[in-house]
């Protein structure tokens, strides 16, 4: 409803500007009854065709011109004159013809129709009017001569709109082509990174799993603690290989990013800590929330934070006890990992310094925050908070 008011308002304003001036000027030209009758009928028909100028511009122009000729011929036959401003609606109809009609065939047909009407009107005017003062002459020709300018203005406006639309289409095509090129470049880079990761990491992981399986096969020749370590090493290698395959699959084709195995969550934290304990460390888990009630993206982020924190603890504080606590507070999930003071010094230069950055980016993507720093007892604390909404189970 609201979108129609601007169009109706423009039509109402155009009707006032084109028809009222003739009504106001007519008393100064001729106040006879035939003049007012011809003007009233003409303007009544003119208002109707003016409102149809967008839908049927050619028809509106021909009908409007016919009404214009009928008014002039009819008033001249009765010895009456009309205001020269009756030409204004005709200029508007000509502008609409040039602006809305893109077919040259329709335009030429409308002009030919008007030409036939003009000849017929001139003949009727000569036949019905004896006085030279009321026969169409140079005065009518002078009023009609500038009318083609109205059509030219409408044609120019339509041409400008078409040029602007064509420019917008070209710009949109260029943006789509640029986006496609960027997507293709991204995909090529993804494939290159996937190939490098496969050649470097997958090969090393495969060797790790093979050596671990060999150790397990010869477990009878190993002490008990070594058999446990070999089992943990093989399990960690197989898990890492599976996650690496899923990552490489996603890198090669993001549209085919369905996981090959269930996505880890809070329910797998105990198994994650078992692998940490298998490396000779102690770890305790306090889970204060039901895993099924936490959205899967939040569960995955919490799992990865704990996983990275345990890796950092093994690197920088080997043998230190680790406490993991996950609580569901009001509107957020809080995950805290604290490792105590290490009994021995960690490996110098271990890691590449991106663990905390990766955790912060993963948590930040969910609208959460991460803090990490020394604990009071000489250890290290990592706290991640992520907003979440409880899932009904």
Protein backbone atom coordinates (compact mmCIF):
# COMPACT_ATOMS: atom_id res chain seq x y z
CA UNK A 1 0.00 0.00 0.00
CA UNK A 2 2.70 2.50 1.00
CA UNK A 3 4.75 1.78 -2.12
CA UNK A 4 1.86 2.90 -4.35
CA UNK A 5 1.49 6.37 -2.86
CA UNK A 6 4.55 7.92 -4.57
CA UNK A 7 3.25 6.86 -8.03
CA UNK A 8 -0.28 8.11 -7.35
CA UNK A 9 1.11 11.33 -5.91
CA UNK A 10 3.19 11.93 -9.05
CA UNK A 11 0.15 11.28 -11.26
CA UNK A 12 -2.00 13.66 -9.23
CA UNK A 13 0.64 16.38 -9.42
CA UNK A 14 1.03 15.86 -13.17
CA UNK A 15 -2.75 16.10 -13.70
CA UNK A 16 -2.84 19.37 -11.80
CA UNK A 17 0.12 20.86 -13.68
CA UNK A 18 -1.17 19.90 -17.14
CA UNK A 19 -4.94 20.43 -16.92
CA UNK A 20 -5.50 23.18 -14.36
CA UNK A 21 -3.55 25.86 -16.32
CA UNK A 22 -5.94 25.45 -19.27
CA UNK A 23 -8.94 25.83 -16.95
CA UNK A 24 -7.45 28.95 -15.37
CA UNK A 25 -6.56 30.57 -18.69
CA UNK A 26 -9.78 29.71 -20.56
CA UNK A 27 -11.78 32.69 -19.12
CA UNK A 28 -9.28 35.03 -20.75
CA UNK A 29 -9.71 33.35 -24.16
CA UNK A 30 -13.38 32.43 -24.52
CA UNK A 31 -16.15 32.09 -21.95
CA UNK A 32 -18.80 30.71 -24.24
CA UNK A 33 -20.67 27.50 -23.45
CA UNK A 34 -19.29 25.50 -26.40
CA UNK A 35 -15.73 26.38 -25.40
CA UNK A 36 -16.25 25.22 -21.83
CA UNK A 37 -18.04 22.07 -22.98
CA UNK A 38 -15.25 21.13 -25.40
CA UNK A 39 -12.60 21.86 -22.77
CA UNK A 40 -14.39 19.87 -20.07
CA UNK A 41 -14.89 16.79 -22.27
CA UNK A 42 -11.32 16.97 -23.52
CA UNK A 43 -9.83 17.24 -20.04
CA UNK A 44 -12.02 14.40 -18.73
CA UNK A 45 -10.75 12.10 -21.46
CA UNK A 46 -7.23 13.49 -21.03
CA UNK A 47 -7.10 12.64 -17.33
CA UNK A 48 -7.98 9.03 -18.13
CA UNK A 49 -5.37 8.59 -20.85
CA UNK A 50 -2.76 10.39 -18.75
CA UNK A 51 -3.21 7.82 -15.99
CA UNK A 52 -2.68 5.03 -18.56
CA UNK A 53 0.46 6.54 -20.07
CA UNK A 54 2.79 4.03 -18.36
CA UNK A 55 0.82 0.88 -19.17
CA UNK A 56 -0.31 1.80 -22.68
CA UNK A 57 1.83 4.74 -23.80
CA UNK A 58 1.19 4.37 -27.55
CA UNK A 59 -2.55 3.89 -27.14
CA UNK A 60 -2.76 6.73 -24.63
CA UNK A 61 -0.95 9.06 -27.03
CA UNK A 62 -3.23 8.22 -29.99
CA UNK A 63 -6.41 8.49 -27.92
CA UNK A 64 -5.24 11.71 -26.28
CA UNK A 65 -4.36 13.23 -29.64
CA UNK A 66 -7.73 12.17 -31.00
CA UNK A 67 -9.50 13.85 -28.07
CA UNK A 68 -7.37 16.94 -28.61
CA UNK A 69 -8.37 17.14 -32.31
CA UNK A 70 -12.03 16.51 -31.49
CA UNK A 71 -12.00 19.35 -28.95
CA UNK A 72 -10.37 21.76 -31.40
CA UNK A 73 -12.61 20.82 -34.34
CA UNK A 74 -15.76 20.74 -32.21
CA UNK A 75 -15.15 24.11 -30.61
CA UNK A 76 -14.17 25.68 -33.96
CA UNK A 77 -17.37 24.38 -35.54
CA UNK A 78 -19.34 26.16 -32.80
CA UNK A 79 -17.34 29.36 -33.21
CA UNK A 80 -15.42 28.95 -29.96
CA UNK A 81 -11.73 28.99 -29.13
CA UNK A 82 -9.77 26.96 -26.59
CA UNK A 83 -6.84 28.06 -24.47
CA UNK A 84 -3.42 27.40 -26.07
CA UNK A 85 -2.48 25.53 -22.87
CA UNK A 86 -4.60 22.56 -23.98
CA UNK A 87 -1.38 21.40 -25.71
CA UNK A 88 0.30 20.60 -22.37
CA UNK A 89 -1.21 17.09 -21.90
CA UNK A 90 -0.14 16.23 -25.43
CA UNK A 91 3.48 17.03 -24.55
CA UNK A 92 3.29 14.74 -21.52
CA UNK A 93 1.88 11.90 -23.65
CA UNK A 94 4.65 12.36 -26.20
CA UNK A 95 7.27 12.23 -23.43
CA UNK A 96 5.74 8.97 -22.15
CA UNK A 97 5.77 7.57 -25.69
CA UNK A 98 9.51 8.18 -25.99
CA UNK A 99 10.24 7.04 -22.44
CA UNK A 100 8.19 3.84 -22.20
CA UNK A 101 7.99 2.50 -25.76
CA UNK A 102 11.18 0.69 -26.76
CA UNK A 103 9.74 -0.77 -29.97
CA UNK A 104 10.27 1.39 -33.03
CA UNK A 105 7.40 -0.41 -34.76
CA UNK A 106 4.94 0.70 -32.10
CA UNK A 107 6.31 4.24 -32.14
CA UNK A 108 6.01 4.51 -35.92
CA UNK A 109 2.52 3.01 -35.80
CA UNK A 110 1.45 5.59 -33.22
CA UNK A 111 2.91 8.44 -35.30
CA UNK A 112 1.16 7.16 -38.45
CA UNK A 113 -2.11 6.89 -36.57
CA UNK A 114 -1.76 10.44 -35.32
CA UNK A 115 -0.92 11.63 -38.83
CA UNK A 116 -4.11 10.04 -40.19
CA UNK A 117 -6.11 11.66 -37.39
CA UNK A 118 -4.50 15.01 -38.17
CA UNK A 119 -5.49 14.83 -41.84
CA UNK A 120 -9.00 13.76 -40.91
CA UNK A 121 -9.27 16.53 -38.32
CA UNK A 122 -8.03 19.16 -40.76
CA UNK A 123 -10.57 18.02 -43.35
CA UNK A 124 -13.42 18.10 -40.81
CA UNK A 125 -12.31 21.53 -39.65
CA UNK A 126 -12.46 22.86 -43.22
CA UNK A 127 -15.83 21.24 -43.80
CA UNK A 128 -17.53 22.44 -40.60
CA UNK A 129 -16.09 25.94 -40.25
CA UNK A 130 -16.61 28.77 -42.71
CA UNK A 131 -14.75 31.53 -40.90
CA UNK A 132 -10.99 31.67 -41.43
CA UNK A 133 -10.54 32.65 -37.77
CA UNK A 134 -11.59 29.16 -36.69
CA UNK A 135 -9.82 27.12 -39.32
CA UNK A 136 -6.59 25.41 -38.26
CA UNK A 137 -3.60 27.27 -39.60
CA UNK A 138 -0.19 28.49 -38.65
CA UNK A 139 -1.20 29.02 -35.02
CA UNK A 140 -1.95 25.32 -34.55
CA UNK A 141 1.18 24.35 -36.45
CA UNK A 142 3.29 26.66 -34.28
CA UNK A 143 1.90 25.02 -31.13
CA UNK A 144 2.51 21.51 -32.44
CA UNK A 145 6.00 22.15 -33.86
CA UNK A 146 7.88 21.90 -30.50
CA UNK A 147 6.05 18.71 -29.53
CA UNK A 148 8.69 16.29 -30.95
CA UNK A 149 11.09 17.73 -28.37
CA UNK A 150 8.96 16.11 -25.65
CA UNK A 151 9.35 12.74 -27.36
CA UNK A 152 13.11 13.33 -27.71
CA UNK A 153 13.38 14.08 -23.98
CA UNK A 154 11.54 10.88 -23.11
CA UNK A 155 13.73 8.88 -25.50
CA UNK A 156 16.88 10.39 -23.97
CA UNK A 157 15.67 9.56 -20.44
CA UNK A 158 14.95 5.95 -21.43
CA UNK A 159 18.34 5.63 -23.15
CA UNK A 160 20.09 6.97 -20.06
CA UNK A 161 18.27 4.49 -17.84
CA UNK A 162 19.21 1.63 -20.14
CA UNK A 163 22.85 2.73 -20.12
CA UNK A 164 22.84 2.90 -16.34
CA UNK A 165 21.21 -0.54 -16.11
CA UNK A 166 23.77 -1.95 -18.54
CA UNK A 167 26.59 -0.41 -16.49
CA UNK A 168 25.16 -1.93 -13.32
CA UNK A 169 24.92 -5.34 -15.00
CA UNK A 170 28.53 -5.08 -16.17
CA UNK A 171 29.62 -4.11 -12.67
CA UNK A 172 27.68 -7.02 -11.18
CA UNK A 173 29.22 -9.39 -13.74
CA UNK A 174 32.68 -8.04 -12.91
CA UNK A 175 32.05 -8.55 -9.19
CA UNK A 176 30.86 -12.10 -9.80
CA UNK A 177 33.89 -12.81 -11.99
CA UNK A 178 36.21 -11.36 -9.36
CA UNK A 179 34.55 -13.41 -6.63
CA UNK A 180 34.80 -16.54 -8.79
CA UNK A 181 38.47 -15.87 -9.48
CA UNK A 182 39.13 -15.33 -5.78
CA UNK A 183 37.27 -18.54 -4.92
CA UNK A 184 39.27 -20.46 -7.52
CA UNK A 185 42.54 -19.01 -6.21
CA UNK A 186 41.50 -19.93 -2.67
CA UNK A 187 40.65 -23.45 -3.77
CA UNK A 188 44.01 -23.80 -5.53
CA UNK A 189 45.78 -22.63 -2.39
CA UNK A 190 43.72 -25.04 -0.29
CA UNK A 191 44.71 -27.91 -2.58
CA UNK A 192 48.37 -26.88 -2.41
CA UNK A 193 48.30 -26.71 1.40
CA UNK A 194 46.51 -30.07 1.55
CA UNK A 195 49.17 -31.61 -0.67
CA UNK A 196 52.00 -30.20 1.47
CA UNK A 197 50.34 -31.41 4.69
CA UNK A 198 49.81 -34.85 3.20
CA UNK A 199 53.40 -35.14 2.05
CA UNK A 200 54.92 -33.88 5.29
CA UNK A 201 52.58 -34.70 8.18
CA UNK A 202 50.75 -37.77 6.91
CA UNK A 203 54.00 -39.53 6.07
CA UNK A 204 55.41 -38.92 9.54
CA UNK A 205 52.18 -39.98 11.26
CA UNK A 206 52.05 -43.18 9.21
CA UNK A 207 55.60 -44.05 10.25
CA UNK A 208 54.73 -43.30 13.88
CA UNK A 209 51.73 -45.63 13.79
CA UNK A 210 53.73 -48.37 12.02
CA UNK A 211 56.52 -48.24 14.61
CA UNK A 212 54.01 -48.22 17.45
CA UNK A 213 52.24 -51.27 16.03
CA UNK A 214 55.58 -53.05 15.69
CA UNK A 215 56.28 -52.33 19.34
CA UNK A 216 52.86 -53.66 20.27
CA UNK A 217 53.43 -56.80 18.23
CA UNK A 218 56.61 -57.42 20.19
CA UNK A 219 55.01 -56.48 23.49
CA UNK A 220 56.17 -59.69 25.12
CA UNK A 221 59.75 -58.49 24.93
CA UNK A 222 58.93 -55.12 26.57
CA UNK A 223 58.40 -54.19 30.21
CA UNK A 224 54.87 -53.43 31.33
CA UNK A 225 55.24 -49.67 31.33
CA UNK A 226 56.56 -49.74 27.76
CA UNK A 227 53.61 -51.79 26.52
CA UNK A 228 51.23 -49.17 27.95
CA UNK A 229 53.18 -46.40 26.26
CA UNK A 230 53.15 -48.23 22.93
CA UNK A 231 49.38 -48.72 23.14
CA UNK A 232 48.88 -45.03 23.86
CA UNK A 233 51.24 -44.06 21.05
CA UNK A 234 49.40 -46.25 18.54
CA UNK A 235 45.98 -44.96 19.61
CA UNK A 236 47.11 -41.33 19.42
CA UNK A 237 48.63 -41.92 16.00
CA UNK A 238 45.48 -43.52 14.61
CA UNK A 239 43.30 -40.73 16.00
CA UNK A 240 45.59 -38.04 14.59
CA UNK A 241 45.65 -39.80 11.21
CA UNK A 242 41.86 -39.88 11.07
CA UNK A 243 41.54 -36.22 12.01
CA UNK A 244 44.23 -35.31 9.48
CA UNK A 245 42.35 -37.15 6.72
CA UNK A 246 39.17 -35.23 7.59
CA UNK A 247 41.11 -31.95 7.57
CA UNK A 248 42.73 -32.69 4.21
CA UNK A 249 39.35 -33.65 2.79
CA UNK A 250 37.89 -30.32 3.89
CA UNK A 251 40.86 -28.38 2.52
CA UNK A 252 40.58 -30.00 -0.89
CA UNK A 253 36.82 -29.48 -1.17
CA UNK A 254 35.02 -27.32 1.45
CA UNK A 255 31.66 -28.49 0.06
CA UNK A 256 32.60 -32.06 1.01
CA UNK A 257 33.45 -31.25 4.60
CA UNK A 258 31.30 -33.92 6.26
CA UNK A 259 33.34 -35.56 9.01
CA UNK A 260 34.48 -39.12 8.43
CA UNK A 261 33.90 -39.92 12.10
CA UNK A 262 31.80 -38.43 14.94
CA UNK A 263 32.94 -34.96 15.95
CA UNK A 264 34.55 -35.09 19.43
CA UNK A 265 32.76 -33.36 22.25
CA UNK A 266 32.53 -33.19 26.03
CA UNK A 267 31.71 -36.89 26.24
CA UNK A 268 35.16 -37.75 24.87
CA UNK A 269 37.08 -35.66 27.43
CA UNK A 270 37.65 -38.63 29.72
CA UNK A 271 39.19 -40.62 26.87
CA UNK A 272 41.35 -37.60 26.01
CA UNK A 273 42.61 -37.46 29.60
CA UNK A 274 43.28 -41.20 29.51
CA UNK A 275 45.66 -40.67 26.60
CA UNK A 276 47.34 -37.94 28.64
CA UNK A 277 47.64 -40.27 31.63
CA UNK A 278 49.09 -42.94 29.37
CA UNK A 279 52.02 -40.61 28.76
CA UNK A 280 52.90 -40.83 32.46
CA UNK A 281 51.02 -37.75 33.74
CA UNK A 282 48.16 -37.35 36.18
CA UNK A 283 44.91 -35.66 35.19
CA UNK A 284 41.54 -35.08 36.86
CA UNK A 285 38.27 -34.12 35.18
CA UNK A 286 35.28 -32.38 36.74
CA UNK A 287 32.35 -32.22 34.36
CA UNK A 288 29.58 -30.04 35.76
CA UNK A 289 27.28 -30.11 32.75
CA UNK A 290 25.45 -32.75 30.75
CA UNK A 291 27.18 -33.06 27.36
CA UNK A 292 23.89 -33.64 25.50
CA UNK A 293 22.58 -30.24 26.62
CA UNK A 294 25.50 -28.31 25.07
CA UNK A 295 25.42 -27.39 21.34
CA UNK A 296 27.86 -29.42 19.26
CA UNK A 297 29.97 -26.41 18.08
CA UNK A 298 30.55 -25.38 21.71
CA UNK A 299 31.42 -28.98 22.66
CA UNK A 300 33.95 -29.22 19.84
CA UNK A 301 35.57 -25.91 20.80
CA UNK A 302 35.83 -26.97 24.46
CA UNK A 303 37.34 -30.32 23.43
CA UNK A 304 39.95 -28.64 21.25
CA UNK A 305 40.85 -26.16 24.01
CA UNK A 306 41.39 -29.00 26.49
CA UNK A 307 43.32 -30.99 23.89
CA UNK A 308 45.67 -28.09 23.11
CA UNK A 309 46.12 -27.27 26.80
CA UNK A 310 47.11 -30.88 27.53
CA UNK A 311 49.59 -30.83 24.64
CA UNK A 312 51.12 -27.62 26.00
CA UNK A 313 51.33 -29.15 29.49
CA UNK A 314 53.19 -32.19 28.13
CA UNK A 315 55.57 -29.95 26.20
CA UNK A 316 56.34 -27.29 28.79
CA UNK A 317 55.53 -29.03 32.10
CA UNK A 318 56.03 -32.78 31.63
CA UNK A 319 54.76 -34.85 34.52
CA UNK A 320 52.83 -31.95 36.11
CA UNK A 321 49.34 -32.79 37.43
CA UNK A 322 46.50 -31.33 35.36
CA UNK A 323 43.01 -30.38 36.53
CA UNK A 324 40.22 -29.90 33.99
CA UNK A 325 36.90 -28.41 35.03
CA UNK A 326 33.94 -27.76 32.72
CA UNK A 327 30.88 -25.96 34.13
CA UNK A 328 27.69 -24.70 32.57
CA UNK A 329 27.10 -21.31 34.12
CA UNK A 330 24.28 -18.86 33.35
CA UNK A 331 24.40 -18.38 29.61
CA UNK A 332 27.97 -19.60 29.10
CA UNK A 333 30.19 -22.66 29.24
CA UNK A 334 33.35 -22.25 31.32
CA UNK A 335 36.32 -24.50 30.66
CA UNK A 336 39.35 -24.28 32.98
CA UNK A 337 42.59 -26.24 32.59
CA UNK A 338 45.28 -25.84 35.25
CA UNK A 339 48.59 -27.67 35.35
CA UNK A 340 50.76 -27.61 38.46
CA UNK A 341 54.47 -27.07 38.82
CA UNK A 342 56.43 -29.49 36.65
CA UNK A 343 58.84 -31.91 38.39
CA UNK A 344 61.27 -31.49 35.49
CA UNK A 345 62.04 -28.85 32.90
CA UNK A 346 60.21 -28.98 29.58
CA UNK A 347 61.79 -29.34 26.18
CA UNK A 348 63.40 -26.08 25.09
CA UNK A 349 61.77 -24.53 22.04
CA UNK A 350 58.93 -27.07 21.95
CA UNK A 351 56.03 -26.09 19.75
CA UNK A 352 55.73 -23.25 17.24
CA UNK A 353 53.87 -20.76 19.43
CA UNK A 354 50.48 -21.00 17.74
CA UNK A 355 48.59 -23.11 20.29
CA UNK A 356 47.18 -20.23 22.32
CA UNK A 357 46.48 -18.25 19.17
CA UNK A 358 44.51 -21.16 17.73
CA UNK A 359 42.53 -21.59 20.94
CA UNK A 360 41.73 -17.88 21.10
CA UNK A 361 40.55 -17.80 17.49
CA UNK A 362 38.37 -20.90 17.94
CA UNK A 363 36.74 -19.53 21.10
CA UNK A 364 36.39 -16.04 19.63
CA UNK A 365 34.55 -17.43 16.62
CA UNK A 366 31.76 -18.48 19.01
CA UNK A 367 31.66 -15.09 20.71
CA UNK A 368 33.64 -16.22 23.75
CA UNK A 369 36.90 -15.25 25.38
CA UNK A 370 40.11 -16.94 26.48
CA UNK A 371 42.62 -16.03 29.16
CA UNK A 372 45.91 -17.78 29.78
CA UNK A 373 48.69 -17.10 32.25
CA UNK A 374 50.73 -18.33 35.22
CA UNK A 375 48.88 -19.87 38.17
CA UNK A 376 49.62 -19.06 41.78
CA UNK A 377 51.52 -22.29 42.49
CA UNK A 378 53.94 -21.84 39.62
CA UNK A 379 51.84 -23.71 37.11
CA UNK A 380 49.76 -22.44 34.20
CA UNK A 381 46.04 -21.76 33.83
CA UNK A 382 43.86 -21.58 30.70
CA UNK A 383 40.24 -20.42 31.01
CA UNK A 384 37.82 -20.35 28.08
CA UNK A 385 34.26 -19.04 28.30
CA UNK A 386 31.74 -19.46 25.47
CA UNK A 387 28.09 -18.37 25.34
CA UNK A 388 25.63 -21.19 24.81
CA UNK A 389 21.96 -22.01 24.95
CA UNK A 390 20.78 -25.17 26.58
CA UNK A 391 19.53 -27.87 24.24
CA UNK A 392 16.51 -29.80 25.49
CA UNK A 393 17.18 -33.54 25.60
